[in-house]
């Protein structure tokens, strides 16, 4: 595959998740939620979580956001299902480092899955990195905001 073919493939992954996001909507019952905003571009997202026994059992989200933010939310919601808070913290740290400086994609692939490599394209669009990070940071804040 050429570099153009790979870029096109990753572009398609983002578009597919943006057009038909997984886990879009509000959980009927949730233990945590948080509303995140990106003041630079106007993206807004609400993350709903069901956490039990220190595990993220389920995540859903609602948004008024760009394709990159919606795709990141969709992919994130699939990835965090049934993982421990400790594992979540580890992948969050890894994703932040990857977005800041997308190096060593093989290691990244092993940690999150190859579809997340779609965000490597953001190294050419630094202003859009915040769009990809917003759902991740919103989930992080949601975990500190337990619903009574």
C-alpha atoms as a PDB file:
ATOM      1  CA  UNK A   1       0.000   0.000   0.000  1.00  0.00           C
ATOM      2  CA  UNK A   2       1.183   3.488  -0.769  1.00  0.00           C
ATOM      3  CA  UNK A   3       1.145   6.348   1.719  1.00  0.00           C
ATOM      4  CA  UNK A   4      -1.879   7.791  -0.123  1.00  0.00           C
ATOM      5  CA  UNK A   5      -3.747   4.454   0.141  1.00  0.00           C
ATOM      6  CA  UNK A   6      -3.061   4.243   3.870  1.00  0.00           C
ATOM      7  CA  UNK A   7      -4.159   7.850   4.433  1.00  0.00           C
ATOM      8  CA  UNK A   8      -7.355   7.125   2.501  1.00  0.00           C
ATOM      9  CA  UNK A   9      -8.027   4.006   4.575  1.00  0.00           C
ATOM     10  CA  UNK A  10      -7.606   5.933   7.829  1.00  0.00           C
ATOM     11  CA  UNK A  11      -9.749   8.770   6.508  1.00  0.00           C
ATOM     12  CA  UNK A  12     -12.486   6.215   5.785  1.00  0.00           C
ATOM     13  CA  UNK A  13     -12.298   4.840   9.348  1.00  0.00           C
ATOM     14  CA  UNK A  14     -12.857   8.317  10.773  1.00  0.00           C
ATOM     15  CA  UNK A  15     -15.701   9.075   8.345  1.00  0.00           C
ATOM     16  CA  UNK A  16     -17.419   5.736   9.045  1.00  0.00           C
ATOM     17  CA  UNK A  17     -17.349   6.311  12.818  1.00  0.00           C
ATOM     18  CA  UNK A  18     -18.429   9.944  12.419  1.00  0.00           C
ATOM     19  CA  UNK A  19     -21.409   9.093  10.205  1.00  0.00           C
ATOM     20  CA  UNK A  20     -22.568   6.079  12.237  1.00  0.00           C
ATOM     21  CA  UNK A  21     -21.051   6.403  15.700  1.00  0.00           C
ATOM     22  CA  UNK A  22     -21.135   3.415  18.013  1.00  0.00           C
ATOM     23  CA  UNK A  23     -22.725   3.921  21.423  1.00  0.00           C
ATOM     24  CA  UNK A  24     -24.305   7.269  20.605  1.00  0.00           C
ATOM     25  CA  UNK A  25     -27.014   8.365  23.033  1.00  0.00           C
ATOM     26  CA  UNK A  26     -27.650   8.521  26.736  1.00  0.00           C
ATOM     27  CA  UNK A  27     -27.419   5.545  29.067  1.00  0.00           C
ATOM     28  CA  UNK A  28     -30.710   4.811  30.830  1.00  0.00           C
ATOM     29  CA  UNK A  29     -28.803   4.512  34.089  1.00  0.00           C
ATOM     30  CA  UNK A  30     -25.318   5.822  34.632  1.00  0.00           C
ATOM     31  CA  UNK A  31     -22.980   6.324  37.549  1.00  0.00           C
ATOM     32  CA  UNK A  32     -20.837   9.096  36.073  1.00  0.00           C
ATOM     33  CA  UNK A  33     -21.173  11.821  33.463  1.00  0.00           C
ATOM     34  CA  UNK A  34     -19.457  14.965  32.336  1.00  0.00           C
ATOM     35  CA  UNK A  35     -19.956  17.594  29.642  1.00  0.00           C
ATOM     36  CA  UNK A  36     -16.815  18.628  27.788  1.00  0.00           C
ATOM     37  CA  UNK A  37     -16.265  21.612  25.500  1.00  0.00           C
ATOM     38  CA  UNK A  38     -13.609  22.690  23.048  1.00  0.00           C
ATOM     39  CA  UNK A  39     -13.817  26.478  23.107  1.00  0.00           C
ATOM     40  CA  UNK A  40     -11.592  26.795  20.033  1.00  0.00           C
ATOM     41  CA  UNK A  41     -13.907  24.988  17.628  1.00  0.00           C
ATOM     42  CA  UNK A  42     -17.210  24.732  19.517  1.00  0.00           C
ATOM     43  CA  UNK A  43     -17.273  20.932  19.939  1.00  0.00           C
ATOM     44  CA  UNK A  44     -19.452  19.758  22.835  1.00  0.00           C
ATOM     45  CA  UNK A  45     -19.753  16.235  24.174  1.00  0.00           C
ATOM     46  CA  UNK A  46     -21.474  14.588  27.125  1.00  0.00           C
ATOM     47  CA  UNK A  47     -20.031  11.277  28.288  1.00  0.00           C
ATOM     48  CA  UNK A  48     -22.182   8.856  30.301  1.00  0.00           C
ATOM     49  CA  UNK A  49     -20.549   5.959  32.130  1.00  0.00           C
ATOM     50  CA  UNK A  50     -21.680   2.933  34.032  1.00  0.00           C
ATOM     51  CA  UNK A  51     -18.883   1.976  36.434  1.00  0.00           C
ATOM     52  CA  UNK A  52     -19.065  -1.111  38.658  1.00  0.00           C
ATOM     53  CA  UNK A  53     -16.342  -2.728  40.755  1.00  0.00           C
ATOM     54  CA  UNK A  54     -13.687  -0.324  39.437  1.00  0.00           C
ATOM     55  CA  UNK A  55     -14.519  -1.243  35.833  1.00  0.00           C
ATOM     56  CA  UNK A  56     -16.025   0.838  33.071  1.00  0.00           C
ATOM     57  CA  UNK A  57     -18.916  -1.388  32.100  1.00  0.00           C
ATOM     58  CA  UNK A  58     -20.407   0.894  29.467  1.00  0.00           C
ATOM     59  CA  UNK A  59     -19.958   4.288  27.849  1.00  0.00           C
ATOM     60  CA  UNK A  60     -22.320   6.297  25.696  1.00  0.00           C
ATOM     61  CA  UNK A  61     -22.076   9.857  24.492  1.00  0.00           C
ATOM     62  CA  UNK A  62     -24.063  12.703  22.994  1.00  0.00           C
ATOM     63  CA  UNK A  63     -22.377  15.399  20.984  1.00  0.00           C
ATOM     64  CA  UNK A  64     -22.559  18.423  18.775  1.00  0.00           C
ATOM     65  CA  UNK A  65     -19.087  18.037  17.364  1.00  0.00           C
ATOM     66  CA  UNK A  66     -16.909  17.626  14.310  1.00  0.00           C
ATOM     67  CA  UNK A  67     -16.197  14.334  12.542  1.00  0.00           C
ATOM     68  CA  UNK A  68     -12.877  13.823  14.321  1.00  0.00           C
ATOM     69  CA  UNK A  69     -14.419  14.283  17.775  1.00  0.00           C
ATOM     70  CA  UNK A  70     -17.375  12.018  16.972  1.00  0.00           C
ATOM     71  CA  UNK A  71     -15.113   9.332  15.510  1.00  0.00           C
ATOM     72  CA  UNK A  72     -12.822   9.487  18.517  1.00  0.00           C
ATOM     73  CA  UNK A  73     -15.852   9.238  20.843  1.00  0.00           C
ATOM     74  CA  UNK A  74     -17.236   6.261  18.962  1.00  0.00           C
ATOM     75  CA  UNK A  75     -13.944   4.388  18.894  1.00  0.00           C
ATOM     76  CA  UNK A  76     -13.229   5.231  22.527  1.00  0.00           C
ATOM     77  CA  UNK A  77     -16.647   3.982  23.642  1.00  0.00           C
ATOM     78  CA  UNK A  78     -15.922   0.620  22.025  1.00  0.00           C
ATOM     79  CA  UNK A  79     -12.426   0.401  23.490  1.00  0.00           C
ATOM     80  CA  UNK A  80     -13.272   1.152  27.136  1.00  0.00           C
ATOM     81  CA  UNK A  81     -16.099  -1.335  27.524  1.00  0.00           C
ATOM     82  CA  UNK A  82     -15.334  -3.699  30.418  1.00  0.00           C
ATOM     83  CA  UNK A  83     -11.871  -2.361  31.211  1.00  0.00           C
ATOM     84  CA  UNK A  84     -10.545  -1.480  34.646  1.00  0.00           C
ATOM     85  CA  UNK A  85     -10.011   2.116  35.686  1.00  0.00           C
ATOM     86  CA  UNK A  86      -6.295   1.305  35.954  1.00  0.00           C
ATOM     87  CA  UNK A  87      -6.193   0.060  32.353  1.00  0.00           C
ATOM     88  CA  UNK A  88      -8.158   3.143  31.274  1.00  0.00           C
ATOM     89  CA  UNK A  89      -5.569   5.413  32.868  1.00  0.00           C
ATOM     90  CA  UNK A  90      -2.808   3.577  31.038  1.00  0.00           C
ATOM     91  CA  UNK A  91      -4.411   3.827  27.590  1.00  0.00           C
ATOM     92  CA  UNK A  92      -5.333   7.478  28.184  1.00  0.00           C
ATOM     93  CA  UNK A  93      -1.708   8.274  28.904  1.00  0.00           C
ATOM     94  CA  UNK A  94      -0.595   6.335  25.848  1.00  0.00           C
ATOM     95  CA  UNK A  95      -3.160   8.012  23.551  1.00  0.00           C
ATOM     96  CA  UNK A  96      -2.122  11.469  24.763  1.00  0.00           C
ATOM     97  CA  UNK A  97       1.527  10.722  23.991  1.00  0.00           C
ATOM     98  CA  UNK A  98       0.601   9.339  20.573  1.00  0.00           C
ATOM     99  CA  UNK A  99      -1.501  12.383  19.642  1.00  0.00           C
ATOM    100  CA  UNK A 100       1.252  14.732  20.819  1.00  0.00           C
ATOM    101  CA  UNK A 101       3.927  12.922  18.811  1.00  0.00           C
ATOM    102  CA  UNK A 102       2.700   9.973  16.712  1.00  0.00           C
ATOM    103  CA  UNK A 103       5.690   7.691  16.789  1.00  0.00           C
ATOM    104  CA  UNK A 104       6.043   3.936  17.063  1.00  0.00           C
ATOM    105  CA  UNK A 105       2.693   2.985  15.509  1.00  0.00           C
ATOM    106  CA  UNK A 106       3.383  -0.738  16.017  1.00  0.00           C
ATOM    107  CA  UNK A 107       3.413  -0.291  19.780  1.00  0.00           C
ATOM    108  CA  UNK A 108       0.307   1.887  19.529  1.00  0.00           C
ATOM    109  CA  UNK A 109      -1.455  -0.778  17.452  1.00  0.00           C
ATOM    110  CA  UNK A 110      -0.763  -3.357  20.146  1.00  0.00           C
ATOM    111  CA  UNK A 111      -2.156  -1.112  22.902  1.00  0.00           C
ATOM    112  CA  UNK A 112      -5.323   0.270  21.317  1.00  0.00           C
ATOM    113  CA  UNK A 113      -5.910  -1.449  18.008  1.00  0.00           C
ATOM    114  CA  UNK A 114      -5.043  -0.505  14.474  1.00  0.00           C
ATOM    115  CA  UNK A 115      -8.142   1.601  13.830  1.00  0.00           C
ATOM    116  CA  UNK A 116      -6.828   4.236  16.254  1.00  0.00           C
ATOM    117  CA  UNK A 117      -3.874   4.753  13.912  1.00  0.00           C
ATOM    118  CA  UNK A 118      -6.306   6.846  11.872  1.00  0.00           C
ATOM    119  CA  UNK A 119      -5.467   9.681  14.225  1.00  0.00           C
ATOM    120  CA  UNK A 120      -1.836   9.653  13.058  1.00  0.00           C
ATOM    121  CA  UNK A 121      -3.027  11.903  10.233  1.00  0.00           C
ATOM    122  CA  UNK A 122      -3.548  14.651  12.819  1.00  0.00           C
ATOM    123  CA  UNK A 123       0.189  15.268  12.941  1.00  0.00           C
ATOM    124  CA  UNK A 124      -0.398  17.292   9.739  1.00  0.00           C
ATOM    125  CA  UNK A 125      -3.282  19.197  11.406  1.00  0.00           C
ATOM    126  CA  UNK A 126      -2.153  20.136  14.926  1.00  0.00           C
ATOM    127  CA  UNK A 127      -5.197  22.314  15.594  1.00  0.00           C
ATOM    128  CA  UNK A 128      -7.417  19.221  15.257  1.00  0.00           C
ATOM    129  CA  UNK A 129      -5.603  17.217  17.950  1.00  0.00           C
ATOM    130  CA  UNK A 130      -7.871  18.800  20.583  1.00  0.00           C
ATOM    131  CA  UNK A 131     -10.871  17.401  18.685  1.00  0.00           C
ATOM    132  CA  UNK A 132      -9.555  13.849  19.043  1.00  0.00           C
ATOM    133  CA  UNK A 133      -8.607  14.353  22.692  1.00  0.00           C
ATOM    134  CA  UNK A 134     -11.873  15.939  23.843  1.00  0.00           C
ATOM    135  CA  UNK A 135     -13.790  12.657  24.393  1.00  0.00           C
ATOM    136  CA  UNK A 136     -10.825  11.154  26.223  1.00  0.00           C
ATOM    137  CA  UNK A 137     -10.472  14.139  28.534  1.00  0.00           C
ATOM    138  CA  UNK A 138     -14.228  14.269  29.068  1.00  0.00           C
ATOM    139  CA  UNK A 139     -14.243  10.610  30.096  1.00  0.00           C
ATOM    140  CA  UNK A 140     -11.376  11.360  32.487  1.00  0.00           C
ATOM    141  CA  UNK A 141     -13.397  14.154  34.123  1.00  0.00           C
ATOM    142  CA  UNK A 142     -16.545  11.998  34.152  1.00  0.00           C
ATOM    143  CA  UNK A 143     -14.765   9.450  36.309  1.00  0.00           C
ATOM    144  CA  UNK A 144     -14.264  12.150  38.941  1.00  0.00           C
ATOM    145  CA  UNK A 145     -17.949  13.188  38.841  1.00  0.00           C
ATOM    146  CA  UNK A 146     -19.950  10.395  40.412  1.00  0.00           C
ATOM    147  CA  UNK A 147     -23.744  10.756  40.260  1.00  0.00           C
ATOM    148  CA  UNK A 148     -25.445  10.373  43.643  1.00  0.00           C
END
